[in-house]
Amino acid sequence: NGMTAQRWTFPWRGKRVSVLPYLLILPTLFFVVLFTIYPTIQVVRSSQVYYHPTRPDRPRMTDLALPGIEEAQRSIRGPHDVGLAYFRALFDQSTDEGRIFIRVLGNTLLYAVVVVSASMALAFLFAMLVNRAVRGIGLARVAFFYPTMLPMVSAATIWLFFFTPDYGLWNSALQTLGYSGPQNWVINRDLALWALMIVAIWKDAGYLMIFYLAGMQNLSEEIYEAADLDGAGWWAKTTRITLPLLRRTTLFVSVIAIIGAFQNIDHSLVLTYQLVSGEADLLLYEIYKQRFMLQNYGFANALTVVMILILLVFTLTNFFLSERSDVRN
């Protein structure tokens, strides 16, 4: 009634604004600030502080002439503010930190491009295959989706057996196709990163298929019937009708797929932990290693800030491109 509406409004610039919507989002906003914004701010602050519990009096930076690091070396024990020294070291190839950063960033970008592209292509193909009303199609959908239900550690353990050099199914299949000699994929510097990609594609394709399948089932059958009357074939209907109509679904799938690619770490801990040279290390795995294994807190936090910025830039770019295309349409 009018009294209730009046009670939940207040004057603002000559107009009455309802308070109720802001009260309803307040609990969600509280948890977003508590578990997302506040930790992000803390990580940014910690990335400017040198602290190493096992070597508190020496920075773990190769080039001690970097601004801020020489002061930390001469400082008293305990945390010391080094400003942007860690970030400068990330882009300085003369430091160990710079070489590590370039290597893991290159690995992660290659991993993301291959995994996202292959997973989305397979997801679309799987959705096309199971988007039909035939007997037993439910079993096919479960078969494609089943890898998604497995934890990544379990999936990596299964593939660890597949990658076994002498009797693993993967090497046996390659030998059947004419490739001679078994390969130990998980400790081979040239193959370890590709082993991680194979596991991720196998696990992610079925999950992304669900989004494409949901989008396809919402498409109008009348459009395809009209295309059939015009004599359009399967390829024409797929490229001229299905893909354009699933553009927003593709944008959403690409966002979650790329974010997932940057967040993958479990299979690295199972498959490539023996590869100490680091040729297959991904960005998040390097953050884990620097933070918990080497206890190099400042460097780990600097890497975390870089990863947050990469994901933020990509997400905002996708969002603005999507909004601009909607306005044009």
C-alpha atoms as a PDB file:
ATOM      1  CA  ASN A   1       0.000   0.000   0.000  1.00  0.00           C
ATOM      2  CA  GLY A   2       0.968   3.674  -0.078  1.00  0.00           C
ATOM      3  CA  MET A   3       2.136   3.802   3.571  1.00  0.00           C
ATOM      4  CA  THR A   4       4.524   0.847   3.066  1.00  0.00           C
ATOM      5  CA  ALA A   5       5.983   2.343  -0.118  1.00  0.00           C
ATOM      6  CA  GLN A   6       6.441   5.694   1.644  1.00  0.00           C
ATOM      7  CA  ARG A   7       8.281   4.020   4.528  1.00  0.00           C
ATOM      8  CA  TRP A   8      10.867   2.408   2.182  1.00  0.00           C
ATOM      9  CA  THR A   9      11.705   5.566   0.208  1.00  0.00           C
ATOM     10  CA  PHE A  10      13.824   8.660   0.849  1.00  0.00           C
ATOM     11  CA  PRO A  11      14.272  11.956  -1.013  1.00  0.00           C
ATOM     12  CA  TRP A  12      17.283  12.239  -3.379  1.00  0.00           C
ATOM     13  CA  ARG A  13      17.784  15.225  -5.691  1.00  0.00           C
ATOM     14  CA  GLY A  14      14.127  16.112  -5.686  1.00  0.00           C
ATOM     15  CA  LYS A  15      12.945  12.522  -6.264  1.00  0.00           C
ATOM     16  CA  ARG A  16      11.973   9.730  -3.926  1.00  0.00           C
ATOM     17  CA  VAL A  17      14.221   6.679  -4.173  1.00  0.00           C
ATOM     18  CA  SER A  18      13.251   3.255  -2.866  1.00  0.00           C
ATOM     19  CA  VAL A  19      15.568   1.826  -0.186  1.00  0.00           C
ATOM     20  CA  LEU A  20      14.277  -1.751  -0.388  1.00  0.00           C
ATOM     21  CA  PRO A  21      16.380  -2.900  -3.409  1.00  0.00           C
ATOM     22  CA  TYR A  22      19.579  -1.719  -1.703  1.00  0.00           C
ATOM     23  CA  LEU A  23      18.633  -3.504   1.518  1.00  0.00           C
ATOM     24  CA  LEU A  24      18.021  -6.725  -0.406  1.00  0.00           C
ATOM     25  CA  ILE A  25      21.468  -6.706  -2.045  1.00  0.00           C
ATOM     26  CA  LEU A  26      23.240  -5.666   1.172  1.00  0.00           C
ATOM     27  CA  PRO A  27      23.907  -9.266   2.432  1.00  0.00           C
ATOM     28  CA  THR A  28      25.368 -10.259  -0.947  1.00  0.00           C
ATOM     29  CA  LEU A  29      27.456  -7.096  -1.077  1.00  0.00           C
ATOM     30  CA  PHE A  30      28.782  -7.825   2.414  1.00  0.00           C
ATOM     31  CA  PHE A  31      30.055 -11.284   1.426  1.00  0.00           C
ATOM     32  CA  VAL A  32      31.510  -9.974  -1.863  1.00  0.00           C
ATOM     33  CA  VAL A  33      33.482  -7.370   0.071  1.00  0.00           C
ATOM     34  CA  LEU A  34      34.518  -9.866   2.745  1.00  0.00           C
ATOM     35  CA  PHE A  35      35.601 -12.744   0.502  1.00  0.00           C
ATOM     36  CA  THR A  36      36.569 -11.005  -2.759  1.00  0.00           C
ATOM     37  CA  ILE A  37      37.368  -7.300  -2.515  1.00  0.00           C
ATOM     38  CA  TYR A  38      39.120  -7.338   0.871  1.00  0.00           C
ATOM     39  CA  PRO A  39      41.390 -10.347   0.050  1.00  0.00           C
ATOM     40  CA  THR A  40      42.268  -8.732  -3.289  1.00  0.00           C
ATOM     41  CA  ILE A  41      43.292  -5.520  -1.552  1.00  0.00           C
ATOM     42  CA  GLN A  42      45.377  -7.510   0.928  1.00  0.00           C
ATOM     43  CA  VAL A  43      47.138  -9.376  -1.879  1.00  0.00           C
ATOM     44  CA  VAL A  44      47.988  -6.085  -3.620  1.00  0.00           C
ATOM     45  CA  ARG A  45      49.387  -4.695  -0.372  1.00  0.00           C
ATOM     46  CA  SER A  46      51.342  -7.880   0.402  1.00  0.00           C
ATOM     47  CA  SER A  47      52.905  -7.872  -3.081  1.00  0.00           C
ATOM     48  CA  GLN A  48      54.855  -4.779  -2.015  1.00  0.00           C
ATOM     49  CA  VAL A  49      56.290  -6.401   1.116  1.00  0.00           C
ATOM     50  CA  TYR A  50      59.335  -8.652   1.312  1.00  0.00           C
ATOM     51  CA  TYR A  51      59.022 -11.482   3.804  1.00  0.00           C
ATOM     52  CA  HIS A  52      60.606 -14.914   3.775  1.00  0.00           C
ATOM     53  CA  PRO A  53      60.273 -16.886   7.029  1.00  0.00           C
ATOM     54  CA  THR A  54      63.249 -19.191   6.421  1.00  0.00           C
ATOM     55  CA  ARG A  55      65.510 -16.384   5.130  1.00  0.00           C
ATOM     56  CA  PRO A  56      64.166 -13.284   6.859  1.00  0.00           C
ATOM     57  CA  ASP A  57      67.322 -11.214   6.421  1.00  0.00           C
ATOM     58  CA  ARG A  58      67.856 -11.786   2.660  1.00  0.00           C
ATOM     59  CA  PRO A  59      65.489 -11.058  -0.197  1.00  0.00           C
ATOM     60  CA  ARG A  60      64.997 -13.886  -2.688  1.00  0.00           C
ATOM     61  CA  MET A  61      65.650 -11.570  -5.624  1.00  0.00           C
ATOM     62  CA  THR A  62      68.504 -12.181  -8.028  1.00  0.00           C
ATOM     63  CA  ASP A  63      69.239  -8.570  -8.907  1.00  0.00           C
ATOM     64  CA  LEU A  64      69.797  -6.846  -5.562  1.00  0.00           C
ATOM     65  CA  ALA A  65      70.357  -3.540  -7.315  1.00  0.00           C
ATOM     66  CA  LEU A  66      66.666  -3.214  -8.066  1.00  0.00           C
ATOM     67  CA  PRO A  67      65.168  -0.209  -6.239  1.00  0.00           C
ATOM     68  CA  GLY A  68      63.819  -1.239  -2.867  1.00  0.00           C
ATOM     69  CA  ILE A  69      65.616  -4.573  -2.661  1.00  0.00           C
ATOM     70  CA  GLU A  70      68.989  -3.294  -1.487  1.00  0.00           C
ATOM     71  CA  GLU A  71      67.200  -1.525   1.385  1.00  0.00           C
ATOM     72  CA  ALA A  72      65.497  -4.786   2.301  1.00  0.00           C
ATOM     73  CA  GLN A  73      68.868  -6.540   2.360  1.00  0.00           C
ATOM     74  CA  ARG A  74      70.231  -4.016   4.828  1.00  0.00           C
ATOM     75  CA  SER A  75      67.045  -3.879   6.899  1.00  0.00           C
ATOM     76  CA  ILE A  76      66.253  -5.545  10.157  1.00  0.00           C
ATOM     77  CA  ARG A  77      64.676  -8.991  10.204  1.00  0.00           C
ATOM     78  CA  GLY A  78      60.974  -9.232   9.426  1.00  0.00           C
ATOM     79  CA  PRO A  79      58.654  -7.820   6.771  1.00  0.00           C
ATOM     80  CA  HIS A  80      59.994  -4.890   4.806  1.00  0.00           C
ATOM     81  CA  ASP A  81      58.277  -2.618   2.284  1.00  0.00           C
ATOM     82  CA  VAL A  82      59.945  -2.910  -1.119  1.00  0.00           C
ATOM     83  CA  GLY A  83      57.377  -0.976  -3.136  1.00  0.00           C
ATOM     84  CA  LEU A  84      57.030  -2.161  -6.739  1.00  0.00           C
ATOM     85  CA  ALA A  85      60.342  -4.039  -6.766  1.00  0.00           C
ATOM     86  CA  TYR A  86      58.701  -7.423  -7.301  1.00  0.00           C
ATOM     87  CA  PHE A  87      56.692  -6.111 -10.245  1.00  0.00           C
ATOM     88  CA  ARG A  88      59.831  -4.584 -11.799  1.00  0.00           C
ATOM     89  CA  ALA A  89      61.585  -7.902 -11.347  1.00  0.00           C
ATOM     90  CA  LEU A  90      58.769  -9.710 -13.180  1.00  0.00           C
ATOM     91  CA  PHE A  91      59.601  -7.827 -16.373  1.00  0.00           C
ATOM     92  CA  ASP A  92      63.376  -7.900 -15.932  1.00  0.00           C
ATOM     93  CA  GLN A  93      64.919 -10.869 -17.745  1.00  0.00           C
ATOM     94  CA  SER A  94      68.155 -10.497 -15.769  1.00  0.00           C
ATOM     95  CA  THR A  95      66.408 -11.765 -12.619  1.00  0.00           C
ATOM     96  CA  ASP A  96      65.275 -15.282 -11.786  1.00  0.00           C
ATOM     97  CA  GLU A  97      61.813 -13.888 -11.098  1.00  0.00           C
ATOM     98  CA  GLY A  98      61.613 -12.346 -14.571  1.00  0.00           C
ATOM     99  CA  ARG A  99      62.657 -15.555 -16.301  1.00  0.00           C
ATOM    100  CA  ILE A 100      60.204 -17.594 -14.231  1.00  0.00           C
ATOM    101  CA  PHE A 101      57.378 -15.165 -14.970  1.00  0.00           C
ATOM    102  CA  ILE A 102      57.928 -15.136 -18.741  1.00  0.00           C
ATOM    103  CA  ARG A 103      58.119 -18.930 -18.807  1.00  0.00           C
ATOM    104  CA  VAL A 104      54.963 -19.585 -16.782  1.00  0.00           C
ATOM    105  CA  LEU A 105      53.050 -16.812 -18.559  1.00  0.00           C
ATOM    106  CA  GLY A 106      53.933 -18.307 -21.939  1.00  0.00           C
ATOM    107  CA  ASN A 107      52.974 -21.788 -20.731  1.00  0.00           C
ATOM    108  CA  THR A 108      49.672 -20.525 -19.362  1.00  0.00           C
ATOM    109  CA  LEU A 109      48.727 -18.573 -22.488  1.00  0.00           C
ATOM    110  CA  LEU A 110      49.547 -21.524 -24.755  1.00  0.00           C
ATOM    111  CA  TYR A 111      47.670 -23.853 -22.402  1.00  0.00           C
ATOM    112  CA  ALA A 112      44.628 -21.545 -22.323  1.00  0.00           C
ATOM    113  CA  VAL A 113      44.497 -21.091 -26.108  1.00  0.00           C
ATOM    114  CA  VAL A 114      44.773 -24.813 -26.875  1.00  0.00           C
ATOM    115  CA  VAL A 115      42.514 -26.055 -24.083  1.00  0.00           C
ATOM    116  CA  VAL A 116      39.781 -23.446 -24.585  1.00  0.00           C
ATOM    117  CA  SER A 117      39.742 -23.789 -28.379  1.00  0.00           C
ATOM    118  CA  ALA A 118      39.704 -27.594 -28.376  1.00  0.00           C
ATOM    119  CA  SER A 119      37.233 -27.856 -25.484  1.00  0.00           C
ATOM    120  CA  MET A 120      34.766 -25.427 -27.062  1.00  0.00           C
ATOM    121  CA  ALA A 121      35.001 -27.116 -30.465  1.00  0.00           C
ATOM    122  CA  LEU A 122      34.420 -30.555 -28.942  1.00  0.00           C
ATOM    123  CA  ALA A 123      31.648 -29.202 -26.711  1.00  0.00           C
ATOM    124  CA  PHE A 124      29.815 -27.788 -29.741  1.00  0.00           C
ATOM    125  CA  LEU A 125      30.282 -31.045 -31.661  1.00  0.00           C
ATOM    126  CA  PHE A 126      29.046 -33.138 -28.719  1.00  0.00           C
ATOM    127  CA  ALA A 127      26.020 -30.872 -28.302  1.00  0.00           C
ATOM    128  CA  MET A 128      25.188 -31.257 -31.994  1.00  0.00           C
ATOM    129  CA  LEU A 129      25.422 -35.041 -31.669  1.00  0.00           C
ATOM    130  CA  VAL A 130      23.182 -35.371 -28.608  1.00  0.00           C
ATOM    131  CA  ASN A 131      20.680 -32.641 -29.534  1.00  0.00           C
ATOM    132  CA  ARG A 132      18.200 -35.062 -31.014  1.00  0.00           C
ATOM    133  CA  ALA A 133      15.264 -37.122 -29.803  1.00  0.00           C
ATOM    134  CA  VAL A 134      16.388 -40.690 -30.422  1.00  0.00           C
ATOM    135  CA  ARG A 135      16.341 -43.751 -28.241  1.00  0.00           C
ATOM    136  CA  GLY A 136      19.306 -44.038 -25.869  1.00  0.00           C
ATOM    137  CA  ILE A 137      20.444 -40.455 -26.351  1.00  0.00           C
ATOM    138  CA  GLY A 138      20.433 -39.985 -22.569  1.00  0.00           C
ATOM    139  CA  LEU A 139      23.256 -42.539 -22.246  1.00  0.00           C
ATOM    140  CA  ALA A 140      25.296 -40.642 -24.819  1.00  0.00           C
ATOM    141  CA  ARG A 141      24.815 -37.400 -22.894  1.00  0.00           C
ATOM    142  CA  VAL A 142      25.927 -39.076 -19.673  1.00  0.00           C
ATOM    143  CA  ALA A 143      28.970 -40.569 -21.422  1.00  0.00           C
ATOM    144  CA  PHE A 144      30.092 -37.167 -22.710  1.00  0.00           C
ATOM    145  CA  PHE A 145      29.392 -35.472 -19.382  1.00  0.00           C
ATOM    146  CA  TYR A 146      30.892 -38.184 -17.154  1.00  0.00           C
ATOM    147  CA  PRO A 147      34.500 -36.817 -17.102  1.00  0.00           C
ATOM    148  CA  THR A 148      33.136 -33.568 -15.676  1.00  0.00           C
ATOM    149  CA  MET A 149      31.764 -35.385 -12.637  1.00  0.00           C
ATOM    150  CA  LEU A 150      35.222 -36.683 -11.715  1.00  0.00           C
ATOM    151  CA  PRO A 151      37.444 -34.524  -9.495  1.00  0.00           C
ATOM    152  CA  MET A 152      40.455 -33.220 -11.395  1.00  0.00           C
ATOM    153  CA  VAL A 153      42.782 -35.229  -9.158  1.00  0.00           C
ATOM    154  CA  SER A 154      40.944 -38.436 -10.078  1.00  0.00           C
ATOM    155  CA  ALA A 155      40.987 -37.539 -13.771  1.00  0.00           C
ATOM    156  CA  ALA A 156      44.728 -36.829 -13.596  1.00  0.00           C
ATOM    157  CA  THR A 157      45.340 -40.139 -11.811  1.00  0.00           C
ATOM    158  CA  ILE A 158      43.480 -42.004 -14.551  1.00  0.00           C
ATOM    159  CA  TRP A 159      45.526 -40.300 -17.236  1.00  0.00           C
ATOM    160  CA  LEU A 160      48.721 -40.901 -15.278  1.00  0.00           C
ATOM    161  CA  PHE A 161      48.097 -44.581 -15.963  1.00  0.00           C
ATOM    162  CA  PHE A 162      47.339 -43.816 -19.629  1.00  0.00           C
ATOM    163  CA  PHE A 163      50.663 -41.973 -19.943  1.00  0.00           C
ATOM    164  CA  THR A 164      52.717 -44.849 -18.470  1.00  0.00           C
ATOM    165  CA  PRO A 165      55.617 -45.391 -20.918  1.00  0.00           C
ATOM    166  CA  ASP A 166      55.648 -49.176 -21.392  1.00  0.00           C
ATOM    167  CA  TYR A 167      52.025 -50.311 -21.143  1.00  0.00           C
ATOM    168  CA  GLY A 168      49.956 -47.139 -20.951  1.00  0.00           C
ATOM    169  CA  LEU A 169      46.935 -46.945 -23.235  1.00  0.00           C
ATOM    170  CA  TRP A 170      48.007 -43.609 -24.735  1.00  0.00           C
ATOM    171  CA  ASN A 171      51.413 -44.870 -25.877  1.00  0.00           C
ATOM    172  CA  SER A 172      49.883 -48.158 -27.016  1.00  0.00           C
ATOM    173  CA  ALA A 173      47.390 -46.275 -29.188  1.00  0.00           C
ATOM    174  CA  LEU A 174      50.157 -44.105 -30.674  1.00  0.00           C
ATOM    175  CA  GLN A 175      52.218 -47.207 -31.447  1.00  0.00           C
ATOM    176  CA  THR A 176      49.212 -48.715 -33.215  1.00  0.00           C
ATOM    177  CA  LEU A 177      49.074 -45.577 -35.388  1.00  0.00           C
ATOM    178  CA  GLY A 178      52.728 -46.015 -36.341  1.00  0.00           C
ATOM    179  CA  TYR A 179      54.575 -43.943 -33.737  1.00  0.00           C
ATOM    180  CA  SER A 180      57.526 -45.989 -32.463  1.00  0.00           C
ATOM    181  CA  GLY A 181      58.929 -45.911 -28.979  1.00  0.00           C
ATOM    182  CA  PRO A 182      57.007 -45.189 -25.757  1.00  0.00           C
ATOM    183  CA  GLN A 183      57.253 -41.733 -24.230  1.00  0.00           C
ATOM    184  CA  ASN A 184      57.114 -40.787 -20.572  1.00  0.00           C
ATOM    185  CA  TRP A 185      54.850 -37.806 -21.113  1.00  0.00           C
ATOM    186  CA  VAL A 186      54.754 -36.407 -17.603  1.00  0.00           C
ATOM    187  CA  ILE A 187      58.522 -35.960 -17.184  1.00  0.00           C
ATOM    188  CA  ASN A 188      59.369 -35.156 -20.797  1.00  0.00           C
ATOM    189  CA  ARG A 189      60.114 -31.424 -21.086  1.00  0.00           C
ATOM    190  CA  ASP A 190      58.570 -31.246 -24.558  1.00  0.00           C
ATOM    191  CA  LEU A 191      55.449 -33.298 -23.804  1.00  0.00           C
ATOM    192  CA  ALA A 192      54.526 -32.556 -20.172  1.00  0.00           C
ATOM    193  CA  LEU A 193      52.564 -29.377 -20.965  1.00  0.00           C
ATOM    194  CA  TRP A 194      50.679 -31.183 -23.738  1.00  0.00           C
ATOM    195  CA  ALA A 195      49.822 -33.943 -21.276  1.00  0.00           C
ATOM    196  CA  LEU A 196      48.188 -31.335 -19.032  1.00  0.00           C
ATOM    197  CA  MET A 197      46.269 -29.983 -22.024  1.00  0.00           C
ATOM    198  CA  ILE A 198      44.955 -33.419 -22.983  1.00  0.00           C
ATOM    199  CA  VAL A 199      43.624 -34.061 -19.485  1.00  0.00           C
ATOM    200  CA  ALA A 200      41.995 -30.629 -19.279  1.00  0.00           C
ATOM    201  CA  ILE A 201      40.316 -30.981 -22.695  1.00  0.00           C
ATOM    202  CA  TRP A 202      39.019 -34.436 -21.814  1.00  0.00           C
ATOM    203  CA  LYS A 203      37.525 -33.116 -18.591  1.00  0.00           C
ATOM    204  CA  ASP A 204      36.173 -29.728 -19.741  1.00  0.00           C
ATOM    205  CA  ALA A 205      34.519 -30.586 -23.056  1.00  0.00           C
ATOM    206  CA  GLY A 206      31.549 -32.366 -21.471  1.00  0.00           C
ATOM    207  CA  TYR A 207      30.957 -29.516 -19.036  1.00  0.00           C
ATOM    208  CA  LEU A 208      30.914 -26.880 -21.780  1.00  0.00           C
ATOM    209  CA  MET A 209      28.659 -29.149 -23.857  1.00  0.00           C
ATOM    210  CA  ILE A 210      25.833 -28.584 -21.355  1.00  0.00           C
ATOM    211  CA  PHE A 211      25.713 -24.854 -22.137  1.00  0.00           C
ATOM    212  CA  TYR A 212      25.686 -25.399 -25.883  1.00  0.00           C
ATOM    213  CA  LEU A 213      23.042 -28.090 -25.546  1.00  0.00           C
ATOM    214  CA  ALA A 214      20.831 -25.806 -23.462  1.00  0.00           C
ATOM    215  CA  GLY A 215      21.232 -23.051 -26.059  1.00  0.00           C
ATOM    216  CA  MET A 216      20.410 -25.367 -28.969  1.00  0.00           C
ATOM    217  CA  GLN A 217      17.266 -26.665 -27.308  1.00  0.00           C
ATOM    218  CA  ASN A 218      15.994 -23.090 -26.976  1.00  0.00           C
ATOM    219  CA  LEU A 219      16.331 -22.395 -30.698  1.00  0.00           C
ATOM    220  CA  SER A 220      13.111 -22.302 -32.703  1.00  0.00           C
ATOM    221  CA  GLU A 221      12.464 -25.285 -34.963  1.00  0.00           C
ATOM    222  CA  GLU A 222      10.649 -23.036 -37.423  1.00  0.00           C
ATOM    223  CA  ILE A 223      13.958 -21.465 -38.495  1.00  0.00           C
ATOM    224  CA  TYR A 224      15.377 -24.873 -39.438  1.00  0.00           C
ATOM    225  CA  GLU A 225      12.167 -25.877 -41.192  1.00  0.00           C
ATOM    226  CA  ALA A 226      12.373 -22.729 -43.299  1.00  0.00           C
ATOM    227  CA  ALA A 227      16.018 -23.505 -44.073  1.00  0.00           C
ATOM    228  CA  ASP A 228      15.056 -27.038 -45.153  1.00  0.00           C
ATOM    229  CA  LEU A 229      12.452 -25.603 -47.529  1.00  0.00           C
ATOM    230  CA  ASP A 230      15.152 -23.383 -49.046  1.00  0.00           C
ATOM    231  CA  GLY A 231      17.352 -26.442 -49.581  1.00  0.00           C
ATOM    232  CA  ALA A 232      19.993 -25.572 -46.970  1.00  0.00           C
ATOM    233  CA  GLY A 233      22.331 -28.400 -46.026  1.00  0.00           C
ATOM    234  CA  TRP A 234      23.765 -29.381 -42.651  1.00  0.00           C
ATOM    235  CA  TRP A 235      26.855 -27.200 -43.022  1.00  0.00           C
ATOM    236  CA  ALA A 236      24.868 -24.144 -44.091  1.00  0.00           C
ATOM    237  CA  LYS A 237      22.419 -24.518 -41.196  1.00  0.00           C
ATOM    238  CA  THR A 238      25.269 -24.932 -38.739  1.00  0.00           C
ATOM    239  CA  THR A 239      27.334 -21.954 -39.906  1.00  0.00           C
ATOM    240  CA  ARG A 240      24.507 -19.616 -40.954  1.00  0.00           C
ATOM    241  CA  ILE A 241      21.913 -20.367 -38.254  1.00  0.00           C
ATOM    242  CA  THR A 242      23.162 -22.325 -35.237  1.00  0.00           C
ATOM    243  CA  LEU A 243      26.480 -20.584 -34.629  1.00  0.00           C
ATOM    244  CA  PRO A 244      25.188 -17.005 -35.063  1.00  0.00           C
ATOM    245  CA  LEU A 245      22.194 -17.665 -32.803  1.00  0.00           C
ATOM    246  CA  LEU A 246      24.498 -19.168 -30.143  1.00  0.00           C
ATOM    247  CA  ARG A 247      26.830 -16.147 -30.160  1.00  0.00           C
ATOM    248  CA  ARG A 248      25.992 -15.078 -26.593  1.00  0.00           C
ATOM    249  CA  THR A 249      26.315 -18.679 -25.412  1.00  0.00           C
ATOM    250  CA  THR A 250      29.735 -18.852 -27.056  1.00  0.00           C
ATOM    251  CA  LEU A 251      30.833 -15.646 -25.325  1.00  0.00           C
ATOM    252  CA  PHE A 252      29.717 -16.970 -21.950  1.00  0.00           C
ATOM    253  CA  VAL A 253      31.366 -20.347 -22.550  1.00  0.00           C
ATOM    254  CA  SER A 254      34.620 -18.694 -23.621  1.00  0.00           C
ATOM    255  CA  VAL A 255      34.719 -16.586 -20.440  1.00  0.00           C
ATOM    256  CA  ILE A 256      34.201 -19.494 -18.061  1.00  0.00           C
ATOM    257  CA  ALA A 257      36.557 -21.702 -20.096  1.00  0.00           C
ATOM    258  CA  ILE A 258      39.433 -19.198 -19.990  1.00  0.00           C
ATOM    259  CA  ILE A 259      38.913 -18.481 -16.292  1.00  0.00           C
ATOM    260  CA  GLY A 260      38.897 -22.240 -15.664  1.00  0.00           C
ATOM    261  CA  ALA A 261      42.106 -22.639 -17.682  1.00  0.00           C
ATOM    262  CA  PHE A 262      43.872 -20.082 -15.483  1.00  0.00           C
ATOM    263  CA  GLN A 263      42.546 -21.773 -12.334  1.00  0.00           C
ATOM    264  CA  ASN A 264      43.626 -25.327 -13.141  1.00  0.00           C
ATOM    265  CA  ILE A 265      46.264 -26.639 -10.769  1.00  0.00           C
ATOM    266  CA  ASP A 266      45.166 -30.053  -9.482  1.00  0.00           C
ATOM    267  CA  HIS A 267      46.372 -32.074 -12.476  1.00  0.00           C
ATOM    268  CA  SER A 268      49.758 -30.312 -12.343  1.00  0.00           C
ATOM    269  CA  LEU A 269      50.218 -31.537  -8.768  1.00  0.00           C
ATOM    270  CA  VAL A 270      49.502 -35.120  -9.877  1.00  0.00           C
ATOM    271  CA  LEU A 271      51.134 -35.311 -13.312  1.00  0.00           C
ATOM    272  CA  THR A 272      54.116 -32.965 -13.595  1.00  0.00           C
ATOM    273  CA  TYR A 273      55.329 -32.462 -10.020  1.00  0.00           C
ATOM    274  CA  GLN A 274      58.424 -34.545 -10.822  1.00  0.00           C
ATOM    275  CA  LEU A 275      59.402 -32.176 -13.639  1.00  0.00           C
ATOM    276  CA  VAL A 276      61.554 -29.917 -11.467  1.00  0.00           C
ATOM    277  CA  SER A 277      62.902 -27.893 -14.406  1.00  0.00           C
ATOM    278  CA  GLY A 278      59.576 -26.056 -14.678  1.00  0.00           C
ATOM    279  CA  GLU A 279      58.927 -26.341 -18.438  1.00  0.00           C
ATOM    280  CA  ALA A 280      55.276 -27.300 -17.770  1.00  0.00           C
ATOM    281  CA  ASP A 281      54.570 -24.969 -14.830  1.00  0.00           C
ATOM    282  CA  LEU A 282      51.403 -22.906 -15.151  1.00  0.00           C
ATOM    283  CA  LEU A 283      50.829 -19.515 -13.530  1.00  0.00           C
ATOM    284  CA  LEU A 284      48.640 -20.741 -10.679  1.00  0.00           C
ATOM    285  CA  TYR A 285      50.936 -23.685 -10.014  1.00  0.00           C
ATOM    286  CA  GLU A 286      53.892 -21.286  -9.817  1.00  0.00           C
ATOM    287  CA  ILE A 287      51.964 -19.154  -7.332  1.00  0.00           C
ATOM    288  CA  TYR A 288      51.318 -22.254  -5.237  1.00  0.00           C
ATOM    289  CA  LYS A 289      54.962 -23.308  -5.440  1.00  0.00           C
ATOM    290  CA  GLN A 290      56.337 -19.874  -4.534  1.00  0.00           C
ATOM    291  CA  ARG A 291      53.858 -19.371  -1.688  1.00  0.00           C
ATOM    292  CA  PHE A 292      53.721 -22.762   0.006  1.00  0.00           C
ATOM    293  CA  MET A 293      56.826 -24.653  -1.112  1.00  0.00           C
ATOM    294  CA  LEU A 294      59.458 -21.915  -1.424  1.00  0.00           C
ATOM    295  CA  GLN A 295      57.646 -19.527   0.977  1.00  0.00           C
ATOM    296  CA  ASN A 296      58.499 -16.539  -1.183  1.00  0.00           C
ATOM    297  CA  TYR A 297      55.415 -14.562  -0.189  1.00  0.00           C
ATOM    298  CA  GLY A 298      56.037 -11.264  -1.974  1.00  0.00           C
ATOM    299  CA  PHE A 299      56.801 -12.881  -5.334  1.00  0.00           C
ATOM    300  CA  ALA A 300      53.753 -15.163  -5.046  1.00  0.00           C
ATOM    301  CA  ASN A 301      51.500 -12.197  -4.278  1.00  0.00           C
ATOM    302  CA  ALA A 302      52.910 -10.231  -7.229  1.00  0.00           C
ATOM    303  CA  LEU A 303      52.132 -13.172  -9.528  1.00  0.00           C
ATOM    304  CA  THR A 304      48.620 -13.300  -8.049  1.00  0.00           C
ATOM    305  CA  VAL A 305      48.035  -9.627  -8.820  1.00  0.00           C
ATOM    306  CA  VAL A 306      49.150 -10.167 -12.418  1.00  0.00           C
ATOM    307  CA  MET A 307      46.772 -13.112 -12.820  1.00  0.00           C
ATOM    308  CA  ILE A 308      43.873 -11.088 -11.377  1.00  0.00           C
ATOM    309  CA  LEU A 309      44.581  -8.268 -13.828  1.00  0.00           C
ATOM    310  CA  ILE A 310      44.751 -10.637 -16.806  1.00  0.00           C
ATOM    311  CA  LEU A 311      41.404 -12.226 -15.939  1.00  0.00           C
ATOM    312  CA  LEU A 312      39.832  -8.844 -15.196  1.00  0.00           C
ATOM    313  CA  VAL A 313      40.965  -7.361 -18.519  1.00  0.00           C
ATOM    314  CA  PHE A 314      39.730 -10.379 -20.451  1.00  0.00           C
ATOM    315  CA  THR A 315      36.353 -10.471 -18.692  1.00  0.00           C
ATOM    316  CA  LEU A 316      35.715  -6.745 -19.119  1.00  0.00           C
ATOM    317  CA  THR A 317      36.764  -6.887 -22.776  1.00  0.00           C
ATOM    318  CA  ASN A 318      34.350  -9.727 -23.451  1.00  0.00           C
ATOM    319  CA  PHE A 319      31.606  -7.889 -21.577  1.00  0.00           C
ATOM    320  CA  PHE A 320      32.016  -4.632 -23.521  1.00  0.00           C
ATOM    321  CA  LEU A 321      32.287  -6.427 -26.862  1.00  0.00           C
ATOM    322  CA  SER A 322      29.111  -8.325 -26.065  1.00  0.00           C
ATOM    323  CA  GLU A 323      27.242  -5.184 -25.024  1.00  0.00           C
ATOM    324  CA  ARG A 324      28.417  -3.286 -28.108  1.00  0.00           C
ATOM    325  CA  SER A 325      27.271  -6.049 -30.450  1.00  0.00           C
ATOM    326  CA  ASP A 326      23.873  -6.121 -28.708  1.00  0.00           C
ATOM    327  CA  VAL A 327      23.473  -2.367 -29.218  1.00  0.00           C
ATOM    328  CA  ARG A 328      24.308  -2.692 -32.923  1.00  0.00           C
ATOM    329  CA  ASN A 329      21.765  -5.483 -33.301  1.00  0.00           C
END
